[in-house]
Amino acid sequence: FLDHMIEQFSRHSLIDVTCHVKGDLHV
């Protein structure tokens, strides 16, 4: 869902965004 929201931000701001995260989602 966070991916979807950041994608919406990029598409509608016309700001190109690359965002790759590896996080401690097990926490």
PDB file of all heavy atoms in Angstrom:
ATOM      1  N   PHE A   1       0.826  -1.206   0.000  1.00  0.00           N
ATOM      2  CA  PHE A   1       0.000   0.000   0.000  1.00  0.00           C
ATOM      3  C   PHE A   1       0.860   1.256   0.000  1.00  0.00           C
ATOM      4  O   PHE A   1       0.530   2.248  -0.656  1.00  0.00           O
ATOM      5  CB  PHE A   1      -0.962   0.017   1.195  1.00  0.00           C
ATOM      6  CG  PHE A   1      -2.101   0.975   1.001  1.00  0.00           C
ATOM      7  CD1 PHE A   1      -3.264   0.575   0.366  1.00  0.00           C
ATOM      8  CD2 PHE A   1      -2.008   2.291   1.434  1.00  0.00           C
ATOM      9  CE1 PHE A   1      -4.315   1.461   0.175  1.00  0.00           C
ATOM     10  CE2 PHE A   1      -3.043   3.185   1.244  1.00  0.00           C
ATOM     11  CZ  PHE A   1      -4.205   2.771   0.610  1.00  0.00           C
ATOM     12  N   LEU A   2       1.989   1.230   0.711  1.00  0.00           N
ATOM     13  CA  LEU A   2       2.906   2.370   0.700  1.00  0.00           C
ATOM     14  C   LEU A   2       3.491   2.566  -0.696  1.00  0.00           C
ATOM     15  O   LEU A   2       3.609   3.699  -1.172  1.00  0.00           O
ATOM     16  CB  LEU A   2       4.013   2.183   1.732  1.00  0.00           C
ATOM     17  CG  LEU A   2       5.026   3.322   1.858  1.00  0.00           C
ATOM     18  CD1 LEU A   2       4.347   4.642   2.216  1.00  0.00           C
ATOM     19  CD2 LEU A   2       6.097   2.970   2.887  1.00  0.00           C
ATOM     20  N   ASP A   3       3.843   1.475  -1.368  1.00  0.00           N
ATOM     21  CA  ASP A   3       4.300   1.576  -2.759  1.00  0.00           C
ATOM     22  C   ASP A   3       3.267   2.323  -3.601  1.00  0.00           C
ATOM     23  O   ASP A   3       3.598   3.231  -4.369  1.00  0.00           O
ATOM     24  CB  ASP A   3       4.505   0.182  -3.371  1.00  0.00           C
ATOM     25  CG  ASP A   3       5.687  -0.564  -2.788  1.00  0.00           C
ATOM     26  OD1 ASP A   3       6.429  -0.001  -1.969  1.00  0.00           O
ATOM     27  OD2 ASP A   3       5.850  -1.744  -3.162  1.00  0.00           O
ATOM     28  N   HIS A   4       2.010   1.922  -3.453  1.00  0.00           N
ATOM     29  CA  HIS A   4       0.923   2.515  -4.234  1.00  0.00           C
ATOM     30  C   HIS A   4       0.813   4.017  -3.971  1.00  0.00           C
ATOM     31  O   HIS A   4       0.619   4.812  -4.898  1.00  0.00           O
ATOM     32  CB  HIS A   4      -0.378   1.802  -3.876  1.00  0.00           C
ATOM     33  CG  HIS A   4      -1.581   2.278  -4.619  1.00  0.00           C
ATOM     34  ND1 HIS A   4      -1.614   2.477  -5.981  1.00  0.00           N
ATOM     35  CD2 HIS A   4      -2.834   2.605  -4.177  1.00  0.00           C
ATOM     36  CE1 HIS A   4      -2.817   2.897  -6.351  1.00  0.00           C
ATOM     37  NE2 HIS A   4      -3.578   2.992  -5.267  1.00  0.00           N
ATOM     38  N   MET A   5       0.963   4.433  -2.720  1.00  0.00           N
ATOM     39  CA  MET A   5       0.842   5.858  -2.388  1.00  0.00           C
ATOM     40  C   MET A   5       2.036   6.665  -2.919  1.00  0.00           C
ATOM     41  O   MET A   5       1.863   7.776  -3.440  1.00  0.00           O
ATOM     42  CB  MET A   5       0.714   6.038  -0.872  1.00  0.00           C
ATOM     43  CG  MET A   5      -0.586   5.517  -0.291  1.00  0.00           C
ATOM     44  SD  MET A   5      -2.080   6.290  -0.965  1.00  0.00           S
ATOM     45  CE  MET A   5      -2.630   5.047  -2.154  1.00  0.00           C
ATOM     46  N   ILE A   6       3.244   6.126  -2.815  1.00  0.00           N
ATOM     47  CA  ILE A   6       4.410   6.841  -3.346  1.00  0.00           C
ATOM     48  C   ILE A   6       4.327   6.923  -4.869  1.00  0.00           C
ATOM     49  O   ILE A   6       4.699   7.937  -5.474  1.00  0.00           O
ATOM     50  CB  ILE A   6       5.724   6.175  -2.874  1.00  0.00           C
ATOM     51  CG1 ILE A   6       5.854   6.280  -1.349  1.00  0.00           C
ATOM     52  CG2 ILE A   6       6.934   6.833  -3.549  1.00  0.00           C
ATOM     53  CD1 ILE A   6       7.019   5.493  -0.762  1.00  0.00           C
ATOM     54  N   GLU A   7       3.807   5.874  -5.495  1.00  0.00           N
ATOM     55  CA  GLU A   7       3.592   5.907  -6.945  1.00  0.00           C
ATOM     56  C   GLU A   7       2.577   6.995  -7.323  1.00  0.00           C
ATOM     57  O   GLU A   7       2.764   7.708  -8.319  1.00  0.00           O
ATOM     58  CB  GLU A   7       3.110   4.542  -7.423  1.00  0.00           C
ATOM     59  CG  GLU A   7       4.188   3.468  -7.379  1.00  0.00           C
ATOM     60  CD  GLU A   7       3.658   2.058  -7.519  1.00  0.00           C
ATOM     61  OE1 GLU A   7       2.432   1.878  -7.650  1.00  0.00           O
ATOM     62  OE2 GLU A   7       4.475   1.113  -7.475  1.00  0.00           O
ATOM     63  N   GLN A   8       1.517   7.119  -6.523  1.00  0.00           N
ATOM     64  CA  GLN A   8       0.541   8.185  -6.771  1.00  0.00           C
ATOM     65  C   GLN A   8       1.195   9.558  -6.634  1.00  0.00           C
ATOM     66  O   GLN A   8       0.934  10.473  -7.428  1.00  0.00           O
ATOM     67  CB  GLN A   8      -0.639   8.077  -5.793  1.00  0.00           C
ATOM     68  CG  GLN A   8      -1.500   6.850  -5.959  1.00  0.00           C
ATOM     69  CD  GLN A   8      -2.277   6.848  -7.264  1.00  0.00           C
ATOM     70  OE1 GLN A   8      -2.479   7.877  -7.890  1.00  0.00           O
ATOM     71  NE2 GLN A   8      -2.723   5.683  -7.674  1.00  0.00           N
ATOM     72  N   PHE A   9       2.039   9.700  -5.614  1.00  0.00           N
ATOM     73  CA  PHE A   9       2.755  10.966  -5.436  1.00  0.00           C
ATOM     74  C   PHE A   9       3.581  11.302  -6.668  1.00  0.00           C
ATOM     75  O   PHE A   9       3.549  12.414  -7.186  1.00  0.00           O
ATOM     76  CB  PHE A   9       3.650  10.909  -4.198  1.00  0.00           C
ATOM     77  CG  PHE A   9       4.607  12.063  -4.113  1.00  0.00           C
ATOM     78  CD1 PHE A   9       4.162  13.331  -3.771  1.00  0.00           C
ATOM     79  CD2 PHE A   9       5.952  11.896  -4.421  1.00  0.00           C
ATOM     80  CE1 PHE A   9       5.027  14.408  -3.727  1.00  0.00           C
ATOM     81  CE2 PHE A   9       6.828  12.962  -4.372  1.00  0.00           C
ATOM     82  CZ  PHE A   9       6.364  14.226  -4.023  1.00  0.00           C
ATOM     83  N   SER A  10       4.336  10.338  -7.160  1.00  0.00           N
ATOM     84  CA  SER A  10       5.181  10.571  -8.327  1.00  0.00           C
ATOM     85  C   SER A  10       4.353  10.928  -9.555  1.00  0.00           C
ATOM     86  O   SER A  10       4.603  11.931 -10.235  1.00  0.00           O
ATOM     87  CB  SER A  10       6.023   9.322  -8.607  1.00  0.00           C
ATOM     88  OG  SER A  10       6.744   9.454  -9.812  1.00  0.00           O
ATOM     89  N   ARG A  11       3.342  10.122  -9.834  1.00  0.00           N
ATOM     90  CA  ARG A  11       2.547  10.314 -11.048  1.00  0.00           C
ATOM     91  C   ARG A  11       1.878  11.689 -11.077  1.00  0.00           C
ATOM     92  O   ARG A  11       1.863  12.371 -12.098  1.00  0.00           O
ATOM     93  CB  ARG A  11       1.491   9.205 -11.148  1.00  0.00           C
ATOM     94  CG  ARG A  11       0.517   9.315 -12.316  1.00  0.00           C
ATOM     95  CD  ARG A  11       1.201   9.270 -13.684  1.00  0.00           C
ATOM     96  NE  ARG A  11       2.087   8.155 -13.862  1.00  0.00           N
ATOM     97  CZ  ARG A  11       1.725   6.952 -14.277  1.00  0.00           C
ATOM     98  NH1 ARG A  11       0.471   6.688 -14.534  1.00  0.00           N
ATOM     99  NH2 ARG A  11       2.632   6.014 -14.432  1.00  0.00           N
ATOM    100  N   HIS A  12       1.347  12.124  -9.946  1.00  0.00           N
ATOM    101  CA  HIS A  12       0.561  13.359  -9.935  1.00  0.00           C
ATOM    102  C   HIS A  12       1.395  14.611  -9.645  1.00  0.00           C
ATOM    103  O   HIS A  12       0.938  15.722  -9.921  1.00  0.00           O
ATOM    104  CB  HIS A  12      -0.606  13.224  -8.961  1.00  0.00           C
ATOM    105  CG  HIS A  12      -1.610  12.214  -9.425  1.00  0.00           C
ATOM    106  ND1 HIS A  12      -2.566  12.502 -10.380  1.00  0.00           N
ATOM    107  CD2 HIS A  12      -1.774  10.899  -9.119  1.00  0.00           C
ATOM    108  CE1 HIS A  12      -3.287  11.422 -10.618  1.00  0.00           C
ATOM    109  NE2 HIS A  12      -2.826  10.439  -9.869  1.00  0.00           N
ATOM    110  N   SER A  13       2.594  14.442  -9.135  1.00  0.00           N
ATOM    111  CA  SER A  13       3.493  15.588  -8.956  1.00  0.00           C
ATOM    112  C   SER A  13       4.371  15.816 -10.173  1.00  0.00           C
ATOM    113  O   SER A  13       4.992  16.878 -10.311  1.00  0.00           O
ATOM    114  CB  SER A  13       4.396  15.375  -7.737  1.00  0.00           C
ATOM    115  OG  SER A  13       5.304  14.295  -7.963  1.00  0.00           O
ATOM    116  N   LEU A  14       4.464  14.800 -11.052  1.00  0.00           N
ATOM    117  CA  LEU A  14       5.400  14.775 -12.186  1.00  0.00           C
ATOM    118  C   LEU A  14       6.859  14.754 -11.724  1.00  0.00           C
ATOM    119  O   LEU A  14       7.763  15.062 -12.495  1.00  0.00           O
ATOM    120  CB  LEU A  14       5.165  15.950 -13.153  1.00  0.00           C
ATOM    121  CG  LEU A  14       3.795  15.984 -13.826  1.00  0.00           C
ATOM    122  CD1 LEU A  14       3.721  17.154 -14.807  1.00  0.00           C
ATOM    123  CD2 LEU A  14       3.494  14.663 -14.538  1.00  0.00           C
ATOM    124  N   ILE A  15       7.075  14.383 -10.467  1.00  0.00           N
ATOM    125  CA  ILE A  15       8.430  14.183  -9.953  1.00  0.00           C
ATOM    126  C   ILE A  15       8.788  12.712 -10.160  1.00  0.00           C
ATOM    127  O   ILE A  15       8.095  11.826  -9.656  1.00  0.00           O
ATOM    128  CB  ILE A  15       8.516  14.553  -8.458  1.00  0.00           C
ATOM    129  CG1 ILE A  15       8.221  16.040  -8.245  1.00  0.00           C
ATOM    130  CG2 ILE A  15       9.895  14.193  -7.889  1.00  0.00           C
ATOM    131  CD1 ILE A  15       8.098  16.445  -6.783  1.00  0.00           C
ATOM    132  N   ASP A  16       9.840  12.443 -10.922  1.00  0.00           N
ATOM    133  CA  ASP A  16      10.294  11.062 -11.083  1.00  0.00           C
ATOM    134  C   ASP A  16      10.849  10.574  -9.744  1.00  0.00           C
ATOM    135  O   ASP A  16      11.622  11.279  -9.089  1.00  0.00           O
ATOM    136  CB  ASP A  16      11.394  10.975 -12.139  1.00  0.00           C
ATOM    137  CG  ASP A  16      10.907  11.331 -13.538  1.00  0.00           C
ATOM    138  OD1 ASP A  16       9.687  11.337 -13.769  1.00  0.00           O
ATOM    139  OD2 ASP A  16      11.776  11.603 -14.399  1.00  0.00           O
ATOM    140  N   VAL A  17      10.457   9.371  -9.350  1.00  0.00           N
ATOM    141  CA  VAL A  17      10.870   8.825  -8.057  1.00  0.00           C
ATOM    142  C   VAL A  17      11.344   7.388  -8.226  1.00  0.00           C
ATOM    143  O   VAL A  17      10.623   6.547  -8.783  1.00  0.00           O
ATOM    144  CB  VAL A  17       9.720   8.852  -7.034  1.00  0.00           C
ATOM    145  CG1 VAL A  17      10.133   8.153  -5.735  1.00  0.00           C
ATOM    146  CG2 VAL A  17       9.264  10.273  -6.737  1.00  0.00           C
ATOM    147  N   THR A  18      12.540   7.121  -7.739  1.00  0.00           N
ATOM    148  CA  THR A  18      13.001   5.756  -7.515  1.00  0.00           C
ATOM    149  C   THR A  18      13.148   5.594  -6.014  1.00  0.00           C
ATOM    150  O   THR A  18      13.791   6.420  -5.360  1.00  0.00           O
ATOM    151  CB  THR A  18      14.346   5.486  -8.204  1.00  0.00           C
ATOM    152  OG1 THR A  18      14.182   5.652  -9.621  1.00  0.00           O
ATOM    153  CG2 THR A  18      14.833   4.078  -7.917  1.00  0.00           C
ATOM    154  N   CYS A  19      12.532   4.568  -5.458  1.00  0.00           N
ATOM    155  CA  CYS A  19      12.562   4.361  -4.006  1.00  0.00           C
ATOM    156  C   CYS A  19      12.612   2.871  -3.726  1.00  0.00           C
ATOM    157  O   CYS A  19      11.614   2.169  -3.900  1.00  0.00           O
ATOM    158  CB  CYS A  19      11.324   4.997  -3.356  1.00  0.00           C
ATOM    159  SG  CYS A  19      11.226   4.796  -1.568  1.00  0.00           S
ATOM    160  N   HIS A  20      13.780   2.405  -3.316  1.00  0.00           N
ATOM    161  CA  HIS A  20      13.957   0.991  -2.989  1.00  0.00           C
ATOM    162  C   HIS A  20      14.329   0.889  -1.512  1.00  0.00           C
ATOM    163  O   HIS A  20      15.300   1.518  -1.072  1.00  0.00           O
ATOM    164  CB  HIS A  20      15.066   0.371  -3.835  1.00  0.00           C
ATOM    165  CG  HIS A  20      14.745   0.332  -5.300  1.00  0.00           C
ATOM    166  ND1 HIS A  20      15.702   0.142  -6.269  1.00  0.00           N
ATOM    167  CD2 HIS A  20      13.571   0.450  -5.969  1.00  0.00           C
ATOM    168  CE1 HIS A  20      15.135   0.160  -7.466  1.00  0.00           C
ATOM    169  NE2 HIS A  20      13.835   0.349  -7.303  1.00  0.00           N
ATOM    170  N   VAL A  21      13.552   0.115  -0.784  1.00  0.00           N
ATOM    171  CA  VAL A  21      13.760  -0.030   0.661  1.00  0.00           C
ATOM    172  C   VAL A  21      13.793  -1.499   1.037  1.00  0.00           C
ATOM    173  O   VAL A  21      12.916  -2.268   0.636  1.00  0.00           O
ATOM    174  CB  VAL A  21      12.634   0.664   1.467  1.00  0.00           C
ATOM    175  CG1 VAL A  21      12.940   0.607   2.963  1.00  0.00           C
ATOM    176  CG2 VAL A  21      12.407   2.085   1.011  1.00  0.00           C
ATOM    177  N   LYS A  22      14.805  -1.870   1.812  1.00  0.00           N
ATOM    178  CA  LYS A  22      14.829  -3.160   2.488  1.00  0.00           C
ATOM    179  C   LYS A  22      14.808  -2.851   3.978  1.00  0.00           C
ATOM    180  O   LYS A  22      15.768  -2.282   4.506  1.00  0.00           O
ATOM    181  CB  LYS A  22      16.081  -3.950   2.110  1.00  0.00           C
ATOM    182  CG  LYS A  22      16.108  -4.372   0.647  1.00  0.00           C
ATOM    183  CD  LYS A  22      17.363  -5.141   0.316  1.00  0.00           C
ATOM    184  CE  LYS A  22      17.396  -5.530  -1.158  1.00  0.00           C
ATOM    185  NZ  LYS A  22      18.656  -6.214  -1.531  1.00  0.00           N
ATOM    186  N   GLY A  23      13.695  -3.194   4.624  1.00  0.00           N
ATOM    187  CA  GLY A  23      13.531  -2.841   6.027  1.00  0.00           C
ATOM    188  C   GLY A  23      13.248  -4.036   6.908  1.00  0.00           C
ATOM    189  O   GLY A  23      13.024  -5.151   6.430  1.00  0.00           O
ATOM    190  N   ASP A  24      13.245  -3.782   8.209  1.00  0.00           N
ATOM    191  CA  ASP A  24      13.024  -4.838   9.194  1.00  0.00           C
ATOM    192  C   ASP A  24      11.524  -5.080   9.392  1.00  0.00           C
ATOM    193  O   ASP A  24      10.979  -4.902  10.483  1.00  0.00           O
ATOM    194  CB  ASP A  24      13.716  -4.504  10.513  1.00  0.00           C
ATOM    195  CG  ASP A  24      13.287  -3.156  11.099  1.00  0.00           C
ATOM    196  OD1 ASP A  24      12.485  -2.428  10.447  1.00  0.00           O
ATOM    197  OD2 ASP A  24      13.733  -2.831  12.210  1.00  0.00           O
ATOM    198  N   LEU A  25      10.874  -5.509   8.318  1.00  0.00           N
ATOM    199  CA  LEU A  25       9.430  -5.731   8.372  1.00  0.00           C
ATOM    200  C   LEU A  25       9.056  -6.904   9.270  1.00  0.00           C
ATOM    201  O   LEU A  25       7.882  -7.040   9.640  1.00  0.00           O
ATOM    202  CB  LEU A  25       8.882  -5.951   6.959  1.00  0.00           C
ATOM    203  CG  LEU A  25       8.972  -4.728   6.037  1.00  0.00           C
ATOM    204  CD1 LEU A  25       8.500  -5.092   4.631  1.00  0.00           C
ATOM    205  CD2 LEU A  25       8.163  -3.562   6.584  1.00  0.00           C
ATOM    206  N   HIS A  26      10.033  -7.717   9.650  1.00  0.00           N
ATOM    207  CA  HIS A  26       9.752  -8.771  10.625  1.00  0.00           C
ATOM    208  C   HIS A  26       9.483  -8.177  12.007  1.00  0.00           C
ATOM    209  O   HIS A  26       8.872  -8.834  12.853  1.00  0.00           O
ATOM    210  CB  HIS A  26      10.931  -9.758  10.697  1.00  0.00           C
ATOM    211  CG  HIS A  26      12.194  -9.143  11.197  1.00  0.00           C
ATOM    212  ND1 HIS A  26      12.975  -8.308  10.405  1.00  0.00           N
ATOM    213  CD2 HIS A  26      12.812  -9.206  12.407  1.00  0.00           C
ATOM    214  CE1 HIS A  26      14.020  -7.919  11.102  1.00  0.00           C
ATOM    215  NE2 HIS A  26      13.947  -8.433  12.313  1.00  0.00           N
ATOM    216  N   VAL A  27       9.926  -6.932  12.225  1.00  0.00           N
ATOM    217  CA  VAL A  27       9.631  -6.225  13.480  1.00  0.00           C
ATOM    218  C   VAL A  27       8.258  -5.577  13.360  1.00  0.00           C
ATOM    219  O   VAL A  27       7.318  -5.939  14.058  1.00  0.00           O
ATOM    220  CB  VAL A  27      10.716  -5.171  13.801  1.00  0.00           C
ATOM    221  CG1 VAL A  27      10.350  -4.389  15.048  1.00  0.00           C
ATOM    222  CG2 VAL A  27      12.076  -5.845  13.962  1.00  0.00           C
TER     223      VAL A  27
END
